[in-house]
């Protein structure tokens, strides 16, 4: 998903569940309030679960701050696409359970 598609989604609803993959972590969370920040974008992250490159799982039931979306950030609303994005990482099964519950 491109940032423009996320912007269209957030215009029609206040927040949406999105899977995000960066070099440092993968995340499933409720995103809102997309805004430009120079060459990238910022988005607020509500309830979320993420797995760091180290394999550490972080579940945050409330707003956890903002996320910078850069050119290399992979965004999707589809679980199977997200699984392909993180195929080369160790992702605990607990991450997928938390993601399904969001």
PDB file of N, CA and C in Angstrom:
ATOM      1  N   UNK A   1       0.847  -1.158   0.000  1.00  0.00           N
ATOM      2  CA  UNK A   1       0.000   0.000   0.000  1.00  0.00           C
ATOM      3  C   UNK A   1       0.897   1.226   0.000  1.00  0.00           C
ATOM      4  N   UNK A   2       0.543   2.176  -0.790  1.00  0.00           N
ATOM      5  CA  UNK A   2       1.282   3.438  -0.829  1.00  0.00           C
ATOM      6  C   UNK A   2       0.706   4.392   0.207  1.00  0.00           C
ATOM      7  N   UNK A   3       1.486   5.388   0.566  1.00  0.00           N
ATOM      8  CA  UNK A   3       1.063   6.375   1.552  1.00  0.00           C
ATOM      9  C   UNK A   3      -0.216   7.079   1.086  1.00  0.00           C
ATOM     10  N   UNK A   4      -0.352   7.277  -0.210  1.00  0.00           N
ATOM     11  CA  UNK A   4      -1.548   7.931  -0.742  1.00  0.00           C
ATOM     12  C   UNK A   4      -2.798   7.090  -0.464  1.00  0.00           C
ATOM     13  N   UNK A   5      -2.677   5.773  -0.569  1.00  0.00           N
ATOM     14  CA  UNK A   5      -3.806   4.884  -0.274  1.00  0.00           C
ATOM     15  C   UNK A   5      -4.160   4.942   1.205  1.00  0.00           C
ATOM     16  N   UNK A   6      -3.148   4.998   2.070  1.00  0.00           N
ATOM     17  CA  UNK A   6      -3.398   5.140   3.498  1.00  0.00           C
ATOM     18  C   UNK A   6      -4.098   6.463   3.780  1.00  0.00           C
ATOM     19  N   UNK A   7      -3.670   7.514   3.112  1.00  0.00           N
ATOM     20  CA  UNK A   7      -4.310   8.825   3.291  1.00  0.00           C
ATOM     21  C   UNK A   7      -5.779   8.772   2.903  1.00  0.00           C
ATOM     22  N   UNK A   8      -6.099   8.108   1.799  1.00  0.00           N
ATOM     23  CA  UNK A   8      -7.506   7.973   1.379  1.00  0.00           C
ATOM     24  C   UNK A   8      -8.323   7.199   2.406  1.00  0.00           C
ATOM     25  N   UNK A   9      -7.738   6.128   2.938  1.00  0.00           N
ATOM     26  CA  UNK A   9      -8.431   5.349   3.967  1.00  0.00           C
ATOM     27  C   UNK A   9      -8.726   6.200   5.196  1.00  0.00           C
ATOM     28  N   UNK A  10      -7.733   6.971   5.619  1.00  0.00           N
ATOM     29  CA  UNK A  10      -7.893   7.776   6.826  1.00  0.00           C
ATOM     30  C   UNK A  10      -8.790   8.985   6.607  1.00  0.00           C
ATOM     31  N   UNK A  11      -9.059   9.350   5.366  1.00  0.00           N
ATOM     32  CA  UNK A  11     -10.026  10.412   5.090  1.00  0.00           C
ATOM     33  C   UNK A  11     -11.448   9.912   5.322  1.00  0.00           C
ATOM     34  N   UNK A  12     -11.677   8.622   5.076  1.00  0.00           N
ATOM     35  CA  UNK A  12     -13.028   8.078   5.199  1.00  0.00           C
ATOM     36  C   UNK A  12     -13.310   7.493   6.584  1.00  0.00           C
ATOM     37  N   UNK A  13     -12.283   7.272   7.386  1.00  0.00           N
ATOM     38  CA  UNK A  13     -12.461   6.777   8.752  1.00  0.00           C
ATOM     39  C   UNK A  13     -11.378   7.371   9.629  1.00  0.00           C
ATOM     40  N   UNK A  14     -11.615   7.430  10.903  1.00  0.00           N
ATOM     41  CA  UNK A  14     -10.663   8.090  11.794  1.00  0.00           C
ATOM     42  C   UNK A  14      -9.390   7.286  12.035  1.00  0.00           C
ATOM     43  N   UNK A  15      -9.489   5.959  11.937  1.00  0.00           N
ATOM     44  CA  UNK A  15      -8.309   5.112  12.130  1.00  0.00           C
ATOM     45  C   UNK A  15      -8.533   3.802  11.389  1.00  0.00           C
ATOM     46  N   UNK A  16      -7.445   3.094  11.119  1.00  0.00           N
ATOM     47  CA  UNK A  16      -7.565   1.796  10.461  1.00  0.00           C
ATOM     48  C   UNK A  16      -6.404   0.898  10.895  1.00  0.00           C
ATOM     49  N   UNK A  17      -6.675  -0.403  10.844  1.00  0.00           N
ATOM     50  CA  UNK A  17      -5.673  -1.405  11.207  1.00  0.00           C
ATOM     51  C   UNK A  17      -4.759  -1.631  10.011  1.00  0.00           C
ATOM     52  N   UNK A  18      -3.462  -1.475  10.246  1.00  0.00           N
ATOM     53  CA  UNK A  18      -2.480  -1.598   9.173  1.00  0.00           C
ATOM     54  C   UNK A  18      -1.282  -2.392   9.688  1.00  0.00           C
ATOM     55  N   UNK A  19      -0.705  -3.197   8.821  1.00  0.00           N
ATOM     56  CA  UNK A  19       0.537  -3.913   9.104  1.00  0.00           C
ATOM     57  C   UNK A  19       1.685  -3.103   8.514  1.00  0.00           C
ATOM     58  N   UNK A  20       2.746  -2.924   9.299  1.00  0.00           N
ATOM     59  CA  UNK A  20       3.890  -2.099   8.890  1.00  0.00           C
ATOM     60  C   UNK A  20       5.162  -2.917   9.047  1.00  0.00           C
ATOM     61  N   UNK A  21       6.043  -2.832   8.059  1.00  0.00           N
ATOM     62  CA  UNK A  21       7.342  -3.491   8.136  1.00  0.00           C
ATOM     63  C   UNK A  21       8.428  -2.462   7.847  1.00  0.00           C
ATOM     64  N   UNK A  22       9.370  -2.332   8.778  1.00  0.00           N
ATOM     65  CA  UNK A  22      10.535  -1.463   8.587  1.00  0.00           C
ATOM     66  C   UNK A  22      11.784  -2.314   8.779  1.00  0.00           C
ATOM     67  N   UNK A  23      12.937  -1.710   8.650  1.00  0.00           N
ATOM     68  CA  UNK A  23      14.190  -2.442   8.894  1.00  0.00           C
ATOM     69  C   UNK A  23      14.307  -2.865  10.355  1.00  0.00           C
ATOM     70  N   UNK A  24      13.764  -2.064  11.272  1.00  0.00           N
ATOM     71  CA  UNK A  24      13.931  -2.305  12.704  1.00  0.00           C
ATOM     72  C   UNK A  24      12.861  -3.197  13.332  1.00  0.00           C
ATOM     73  N   UNK A  25      11.652  -3.209  12.790  1.00  0.00           N
ATOM     74  CA  UNK A  25      10.563  -3.951  13.416  1.00  0.00           C
ATOM     75  C   UNK A  25       9.435  -4.200  12.428  1.00  0.00           C
ATOM     76  N   UNK A  26       8.510  -5.072  12.856  1.00  0.00           N
ATOM     77  CA  UNK A  26       7.240  -5.208  12.153  1.00  0.00           C
ATOM     78  C   UNK A  26       6.149  -4.897  13.169  1.00  0.00           C
ATOM     79  N   UNK A  27       5.046  -4.352  12.700  1.00  0.00           N
ATOM     80  CA  UNK A  27       4.015  -3.842  13.585  1.00  0.00           C
ATOM     81  C   UNK A  27       2.640  -4.082  12.995  1.00  0.00           C
ATOM     82  N   UNK A  28       1.689  -4.369  13.851  1.00  0.00           N
ATOM     83  CA  UNK A  28       0.276  -4.356  13.496  1.00  0.00           C
ATOM     84  C   UNK A  28      -0.357  -3.379  14.456  1.00  0.00           C
ATOM     85  N   UNK A  29      -0.997  -2.349  13.929  1.00  0.00           N
ATOM     86  CA  UNK A  29      -1.574  -1.357  14.815  1.00  0.00           C
ATOM     87  C   UNK A  29      -2.666  -0.541  14.177  1.00  0.00           C
ATOM     88  N   UNK A  30      -3.344   0.191  15.021  1.00  0.00           N
ATOM     89  CA  UNK A  30      -4.385   1.104  14.594  1.00  0.00           C
ATOM     90  C   UNK A  30      -3.722   2.456  14.328  1.00  0.00           C
ATOM     91  N   UNK A  31      -3.744   2.876  13.074  1.00  0.00           N
ATOM     92  CA  UNK A  31      -3.079   4.113  12.677  1.00  0.00           C
ATOM     93  C   UNK A  31      -4.104   5.212  12.449  1.00  0.00           C
ATOM     94  N   UNK A  32      -3.691   6.452  12.721  1.00  0.00           N
ATOM     95  CA  UNK A  32      -4.552   7.612  12.502  1.00  0.00           C
ATOM     96  C   UNK A  32      -3.684   8.853  12.288  1.00  0.00           C
ATOM     97  N   UNK A  33      -4.322   9.916  11.857  1.00  0.00           N
ATOM     98  CA  UNK A  33      -3.694  11.237  11.771  1.00  0.00           C
ATOM     99  C   UNK A  33      -2.406  11.262  10.939  1.00  0.00           C
ATOM    100  N   UNK A  34      -2.497  10.869   9.690  1.00  0.00           N
ATOM    101  CA  UNK A  34      -1.357  10.910   8.772  1.00  0.00           C
ATOM    102  C   UNK A  34      -1.042  12.353   8.413  1.00  0.00           C
ATOM    103  N   UNK A  35       0.240  12.710   8.459  1.00  0.00           N
ATOM    104  CA  UNK A  35       0.661  14.069   8.110  1.00  0.00           C
ATOM    105  C   UNK A  35       2.061  14.057   7.520  1.00  0.00           C
ATOM    106  N   UNK A  36       2.312  15.021   6.668  1.00  0.00           N
ATOM    107  CA  UNK A  36       3.619  15.137   6.015  1.00  0.00           C
ATOM    108  C   UNK A  36       4.661  15.609   7.019  1.00  0.00           C
ATOM    109  N   UNK A  37       5.890  15.116   6.827  1.00  0.00           N
ATOM    110  CA  UNK A  37       7.024  15.504   7.666  1.00  0.00           C
ATOM    111  C   UNK A  37       8.266  15.521   6.792  1.00  0.00           C
ATOM    112  N   UNK A  38       8.401  16.548   5.981  1.00  0.00           N
ATOM    113  CA  UNK A  38       9.535  16.620   5.064  1.00  0.00           C
ATOM    114  C   UNK A  38       9.377  15.612   3.948  1.00  0.00           C
ATOM    115  N   UNK A  39      10.401  14.762   3.757  1.00  0.00           N
ATOM    116  CA  UNK A  39      10.362  13.733   2.716  1.00  0.00           C
ATOM    117  C   UNK A  39       9.618  12.470   3.158  1.00  0.00           C
ATOM    118  N   UNK A  40       9.160  12.428   4.389  1.00  0.00           N
ATOM    119  CA  UNK A  40       8.450  11.256   4.900  1.00  0.00           C
ATOM    120  C   UNK A  40       7.090  11.686   5.455  1.00  0.00           C
ATOM    121  N   UNK A  41       6.446  10.795   6.160  1.00  0.00           N
ATOM    122  CA  UNK A  41       5.156  11.080   6.780  1.00  0.00           C
ATOM    123  C   UNK A  41       5.173  10.576   8.215  1.00  0.00           C
ATOM    124  N   UNK A  42       4.348  11.187   9.050  1.00  0.00           N
ATOM    125  CA  UNK A  42       4.151  10.723  10.415  1.00  0.00           C
ATOM    126  C   UNK A  42       2.717  10.253  10.554  1.00  0.00           C
ATOM    127  N   UNK A  43       2.525   9.240  11.378  1.00  0.00           N
ATOM    128  CA  UNK A  43       1.195   8.723  11.655  1.00  0.00           C
ATOM    129  C   UNK A  43       1.150   8.360  13.138  1.00  0.00           C
ATOM    130  N   UNK A  44       0.009   8.614  13.777  1.00  0.00           N
ATOM    131  CA  UNK A  44      -0.155   8.232  15.177  1.00  0.00           C
ATOM    132  C   UNK A  44      -0.480   6.752  15.254  1.00  0.00           C
ATOM    133  N   UNK A  45       0.096   6.074  16.244  1.00  0.00           N
ATOM    134  CA  UNK A  45      -0.128   4.646  16.437  1.00  0.00           C
ATOM    135  C   UNK A  45      -0.932   4.458  17.711  1.00  0.00           C
ATOM    136  N   UNK A  46      -2.103   3.851  17.574  1.00  0.00           N
ATOM    137  CA  UNK A  46      -2.932   3.528  18.733  1.00  0.00           C
ATOM    138  C   UNK A  46      -2.513   2.174  19.283  1.00  0.00           C
ATOM    139  N   UNK A  47      -3.477   1.362  19.666  1.00  0.00           N
ATOM    140  CA  UNK A  47      -3.172   0.013  20.146  1.00  0.00           C
ATOM    141  C   UNK A  47      -2.356  -0.709  19.082  1.00  0.00           C
ATOM    142  N   UNK A  48      -1.309  -1.402  19.520  1.00  0.00           N
ATOM    143  CA  UNK A  48      -0.443  -2.062  18.543  1.00  0.00           C
ATOM    144  C   UNK A  48       0.324  -3.206  19.180  1.00  0.00           C
ATOM    145  N   UNK A  49       0.882  -4.016  18.320  1.00  0.00           N
ATOM    146  CA  UNK A  49       1.811  -5.059  18.716  1.00  0.00           C
ATOM    147  C   UNK A  49       2.957  -5.014  17.715  1.00  0.00           C
ATOM    148  N   UNK A  50       4.181  -5.171  18.207  1.00  0.00           N
ATOM    149  CA  UNK A  50       5.333  -5.131  17.306  1.00  0.00           C
ATOM    150  C   UNK A  50       6.375  -6.139  17.726  1.00  0.00           C
ATOM    151  N   UNK A  51       7.166  -6.544  16.765  1.00  0.00           N
ATOM    152  CA  UNK A  51       8.287  -7.447  17.004  1.00  0.00           C
ATOM    153  C   UNK A  51       9.540  -6.738  16.517  1.00  0.00           C
ATOM    154  N   UNK A  52      10.491  -6.572  17.431  1.00  0.00           N
ATOM    155  CA  UNK A  52      11.770  -5.954  17.079  1.00  0.00           C
ATOM    156  C   UNK A  52      12.642  -6.967  16.346  1.00  0.00           C
ATOM    157  N   UNK A  53      13.676  -6.500  15.686  1.00  0.00           N
ATOM    158  CA  UNK A  53      14.604  -7.388  14.962  1.00  0.00           C
ATOM    159  C   UNK A  53      15.174  -8.454  15.880  1.00  0.00           C
ATOM    160  N   UNK A  54      15.311  -8.133  17.178  1.00  0.00           N
ATOM    161  CA  UNK A  54      15.844  -9.081  18.149  1.00  0.00           C
ATOM    162  C   UNK A  54      14.854 -10.209  18.468  1.00  0.00           C
ATOM    163  N   UNK A  55      13.598 -10.067  18.023  1.00  0.00           N
ATOM    164  CA  UNK A  55      12.569 -11.052  18.316  1.00  0.00           C
ATOM    165  C   UNK A  55      11.719 -10.692  19.515  1.00  0.00           C
ATOM    166  N   UNK A  56      12.064  -9.577  20.174  1.00  0.00           N
ATOM    167  CA  UNK A  56      11.297  -9.137  21.342  1.00  0.00           C
ATOM    168  C   UNK A  56       9.917  -8.648  20.920  1.00  0.00           C
ATOM    169  N   UNK A  57       8.894  -9.076  21.638  1.00  0.00           N
ATOM    170  CA  UNK A  57       7.509  -8.714  21.353  1.00  0.00           C
ATOM    171  C   UNK A  57       7.079  -7.594  22.282  1.00  0.00           C
ATOM    172  N   UNK A  58       6.490  -6.535  21.718  1.00  0.00           N
ATOM    173  CA  UNK A  58       5.965  -5.419  22.500  1.00  0.00           C
ATOM    174  C   UNK A  58       4.501  -5.231  22.150  1.00  0.00           C
ATOM    175  N   UNK A  59       3.623  -5.399  23.124  1.00  0.00           N
ATOM    176  CA  UNK A  59       2.197  -5.169  22.925  1.00  0.00           C
ATOM    177  C   UNK A  59       1.820  -3.908  23.686  1.00  0.00           C
ATOM    178  N   UNK A  60       1.220  -2.965  22.985  1.00  0.00           N
ATOM    179  CA  UNK A  60       0.845  -1.695  23.595  1.00  0.00           C
ATOM    180  C   UNK A  60      -0.658  -1.501  23.412  1.00  0.00           C
ATOM    181  N   UNK A  61      -1.439  -1.604  24.484  1.00  0.00           N
ATOM    182  CA  UNK A  61      -2.899  -1.543  24.375  1.00  0.00           C
ATOM    183  C   UNK A  61      -3.460  -0.141  24.153  1.00  0.00           C
ATOM    184  N   UNK A  62      -2.643   0.873  24.320  1.00  0.00           N
ATOM    185  CA  UNK A  62      -3.084   2.260  24.138  1.00  0.00           C
ATOM    186  C   UNK A  62      -2.133   2.977  23.195  1.00  0.00           C
ATOM    187  N   UNK A  63      -2.422   4.239  22.903  1.00  0.00           N
ATOM    188  CA  UNK A  63      -1.587   5.022  21.995  1.00  0.00           C
ATOM    189  C   UNK A  63      -0.123   4.943  22.406  1.00  0.00           C
ATOM    190  N   UNK A  64       0.733   4.667  21.439  1.00  0.00           N
ATOM    191  CA  UNK A  64       2.152   4.481  21.745  1.00  0.00           C
ATOM    192  C   UNK A  64       3.050   5.530  21.112  1.00  0.00           C
ATOM    193  N   UNK A  65       2.474   6.551  20.502  1.00  0.00           N
ATOM    194  CA  UNK A  65       3.290   7.597  19.905  1.00  0.00           C
ATOM    195  C   UNK A  65       3.093   7.699  18.415  1.00  0.00           C
ATOM    196  N   UNK A  66       4.100   8.225  17.746  1.00  0.00           N
ATOM    197  CA  UNK A  66       4.037   8.420  16.298  1.00  0.00           C
ATOM    198  C   UNK A  66       5.043   7.526  15.601  1.00  0.00           C
ATOM    199  N   UNK A  67       4.756   7.231  14.362  1.00  0.00           N
ATOM    200  CA  UNK A  67       5.621   6.397  13.539  1.00  0.00           C
ATOM    201  C   UNK A  67       5.975   7.174  12.281  1.00  0.00           C
ATOM    202  N   UNK A  68       7.251   7.196  11.945  1.00  0.00           N
ATOM    203  CA  UNK A  68       7.693   7.849  10.724  1.00  0.00           C
ATOM    204  C   UNK A  68       7.647   6.841   9.586  1.00  0.00           C
ATOM    205  N   UNK A  69       6.923   7.192   8.545  1.00  0.00           N
ATOM    206  CA  UNK A  69       6.818   6.335   7.365  1.00  0.00           C
ATOM    207  C   UNK A  69       7.733   6.900   6.291  1.00  0.00           C
ATOM    208  N   UNK A  70       8.777   6.128   5.973  1.00  0.00           N
ATOM    209  CA  UNK A  70       9.753   6.557   4.977  1.00  0.00           C
ATOM    210  C   UNK A  70       9.563   5.741   3.702  1.00  0.00           C
ATOM    211  N   UNK A  71      10.364   6.013   2.707  1.00  0.00           N
ATOM    212  CA  UNK A  71      10.239   5.352   1.401  1.00  0.00           C
ATOM    213  C   UNK A  71      10.338   3.832   1.492  1.00  0.00           C
ATOM    214  N   UNK A  72      11.160   3.282   2.367  1.00  0.00           N
ATOM    215  CA  UNK A  72      11.341   1.837   2.461  1.00  0.00           C
ATOM    216  C   UNK A  72      10.353   1.124   3.363  1.00  0.00           C
ATOM    217  N   UNK A  73       9.430   1.853   3.957  1.00  0.00           N
ATOM    218  CA  UNK A  73       8.445   1.259   4.856  1.00  0.00           C
ATOM    219  C   UNK A  73       7.379   0.526   4.045  1.00  0.00           C
ATOM    220  N   UNK A  74       7.105  -0.722   4.422  1.00  0.00           N
ATOM    221  CA  UNK A  74       6.087  -1.515   3.732  1.00  0.00           C
ATOM    222  C   UNK A  74       4.796  -1.467   4.534  1.00  0.00           C
ATOM    223  N   UNK A  75       3.703  -1.072   3.882  1.00  0.00           N
ATOM    224  CA  UNK A  75       2.389  -0.969   4.518  1.00  0.00           C
ATOM    225  C   UNK A  75       1.411  -1.889   3.803  1.00  0.00           C
ATOM    226  N   UNK A  76       0.552  -2.548   4.571  1.00  0.00           N
ATOM    227  CA  UNK A  76      -0.490  -3.363   3.972  1.00  0.00           C
ATOM    228  C   UNK A  76      -1.637  -3.526   4.957  1.00  0.00           C
ATOM    229  N   UNK A  77      -2.808  -3.813   4.437  1.00  0.00           N
ATOM    230  CA  UNK A  77      -3.958  -4.147   5.276  1.00  0.00           C
ATOM    231  C   UNK A  77      -4.203  -5.648   5.248  1.00  0.00           C
ATOM    232  N   UNK A  78      -3.470  -6.366   4.423  1.00  0.00           N
ATOM    233  CA  UNK A  78      -3.685  -7.804   4.248  1.00  0.00           C
ATOM    234  C   UNK A  78      -2.671  -8.621   5.045  1.00  0.00           C
ATOM    235  N   UNK A  79      -3.192  -9.562   5.797  1.00  0.00           N
ATOM    236  CA  UNK A  79      -2.353 -10.416   6.632  1.00  0.00           C
ATOM    237  C   UNK A  79      -1.367 -11.230   5.803  1.00  0.00           C
ATOM    238  N   UNK A  80      -1.824 -11.836   4.718  1.00  0.00           N
ATOM    239  CA  UNK A  80      -0.935 -12.672   3.904  1.00  0.00           C
ATOM    240  C   UNK A  80       0.199 -11.859   3.286  1.00  0.00           C
ATOM    241  N   UNK A  81      -0.099 -10.648   2.869  1.00  0.00           N
ATOM    242  CA  UNK A  81       0.955  -9.775   2.327  1.00  0.00           C
ATOM    243  C   UNK A  81       1.970  -9.453   3.412  1.00  0.00           C
ATOM    244  N   UNK A  82       1.500  -9.167   4.616  1.00  0.00           N
ATOM    245  CA  UNK A  82       2.399  -8.872   5.734  1.00  0.00           C
ATOM    246  C   UNK A  82       3.284 -10.082   6.038  1.00  0.00           C
ATOM    247  N   UNK A  83       2.693 -11.277   6.005  1.00  0.00           N
ATOM    248  CA  UNK A  83       3.497 -12.489   6.227  1.00  0.00           C
ATOM    249  C   UNK A  83       4.627 -12.595   5.191  1.00  0.00           C
ATOM    250  N   UNK A  84       4.337 -12.231   3.952  1.00  0.00           N
ATOM    251  CA  UNK A  84       5.390 -12.240   2.916  1.00  0.00           C
ATOM    252  C   UNK A  84       6.447 -11.179   3.215  1.00  0.00           C
ATOM    253  N   UNK A  85       6.017 -10.019   3.707  1.00  0.00           N
ATOM    254  CA  UNK A  85       6.970  -8.950   4.017  1.00  0.00           C
ATOM    255  C   UNK A  85       7.947  -9.350   5.126  1.00  0.00           C
ATOM    256  N   UNK A  86       7.510 -10.211   6.052  1.00  0.00           N
ATOM    257  CA  UNK A  86       8.355 -10.586   7.191  1.00  0.00           C
ATOM    258  C   UNK A  86       8.852 -12.031   7.114  1.00  0.00           C
ATOM    259  N   UNK A  87       8.805 -12.625   5.927  1.00  0.00           N
ATOM    260  CA  UNK A  87       9.177 -14.035   5.778  1.00  0.00           C
ATOM    261  C   UNK A  87      10.593 -14.350   6.231  1.00  0.00           C
ATOM    262  N   UNK A  88      11.497 -13.380   6.191  1.00  0.00           N
ATOM    263  CA  UNK A  88      12.892 -13.614   6.545  1.00  0.00           C
ATOM    264  C   UNK A  88      13.204 -13.306   8.008  1.00  0.00           C
ATOM    265  N   UNK A  89      12.171 -13.054   8.821  1.00  0.00           N
ATOM    266  CA  UNK A  89      12.361 -12.714  10.232  1.00  0.00           C
ATOM    267  C   UNK A  89      11.758 -13.783  11.128  1.00  0.00           C
ATOM    268  N   UNK A  90      12.267 -13.830  12.341  1.00  0.00           N
ATOM    269  CA  UNK A  90      11.682 -14.706  13.352  1.00  0.00           C
ATOM    270  C   UNK A  90      10.556 -13.919  14.015  1.00  0.00           C
ATOM    271  N   UNK A  91       9.319 -14.348  13.760  1.00  0.00           N
ATOM    272  CA  UNK A  91       8.151 -13.667  14.315  1.00  0.00           C
ATOM    273  C   UNK A  91       7.409 -14.663  15.206  1.00  0.00           C
ATOM    274  N   UNK A  92       7.328 -14.369  16.511  1.00  0.00           N
ATOM    275  CA  UNK A  92       6.647 -15.298  17.417  1.00  0.00           C
ATOM    276  C   UNK A  92       5.168 -15.449  17.066  1.00  0.00           C
ATOM    277  N   UNK A  93       4.626 -16.630  17.305  1.00  0.00           N
ATOM    278  CA  UNK A  93       3.211 -16.894  17.041  1.00  0.00           C
ATOM    279  C   UNK A  93       2.318 -15.953  17.845  1.00  0.00           C
ATOM    280  N   UNK A  94       2.793 -15.532  18.985  1.00  0.00           N
ATOM    281  CA  UNK A  94       2.031 -14.605  19.831  1.00  0.00           C
ATOM    282  C   UNK A  94       1.747 -13.285  19.102  1.00  0.00           C
ATOM    283  N   UNK A  95       2.683 -12.848  18.277  1.00  0.00           N
ATOM    284  CA  UNK A  95       2.472 -11.624  17.474  1.00  0.00           C
ATOM    285  C   UNK A  95       1.231 -11.768  16.605  1.00  0.00           C
ATOM    286  N   UNK A  96       1.083 -12.909  15.930  1.00  0.00           N
ATOM    287  CA  UNK A  96      -0.047 -13.126  15.027  1.00  0.00           C
ATOM    288  C   UNK A  96      -1.356 -13.189  15.815  1.00  0.00           C
ATOM    289  N   UNK A  97      -1.315 -13.753  17.045  1.00  0.00           N
ATOM    290  CA  UNK A  97      -2.530 -13.795  17.866  1.00  0.00           C
ATOM    291  C   UNK A  97      -2.944 -12.393  18.295  1.00  0.00           C
ATOM    292  N   UNK A  98      -1.965 -11.583  18.735  1.00  0.00           N
ATOM    293  CA  UNK A  98      -2.264 -10.206  19.123  1.00  0.00           C
ATOM    294  C   UNK A  98      -2.783  -9.405  17.929  1.00  0.00           C
ATOM    295  N   UNK A  99      -2.155  -9.607  16.765  1.00  0.00           N
ATOM    296  CA  UNK A  99      -2.568  -8.881  15.558  1.00  0.00           C
ATOM    297  C   UNK A  99      -4.003  -9.214  15.188  1.00  0.00           C
ATOM    298  N   UNK A 100      -4.376 -10.474  15.296  1.00  0.00           N
ATOM    299  CA  UNK A 100      -5.745 -10.881  14.975  1.00  0.00           C
ATOM    300  C   UNK A 100      -6.741 -10.263  15.952  1.00  0.00           C
ATOM    301  N   UNK A 101      -6.337 -10.083  17.194  1.00  0.00           N
ATOM    302  CA  UNK A 101      -7.246  -9.538  18.210  1.00  0.00           C
ATOM    303  C   UNK A 101      -7.427  -8.029  18.111  1.00  0.00           C
ATOM    304  N   UNK A 102      -6.537  -7.329  17.447  1.00  0.00           N
ATOM    305  CA  UNK A 102      -6.668  -5.858  17.336  1.00  0.00           C
ATOM    306  C   UNK A 102      -7.886  -5.474  16.529  1.00  0.00           C
TER     307      UNK A 102
END
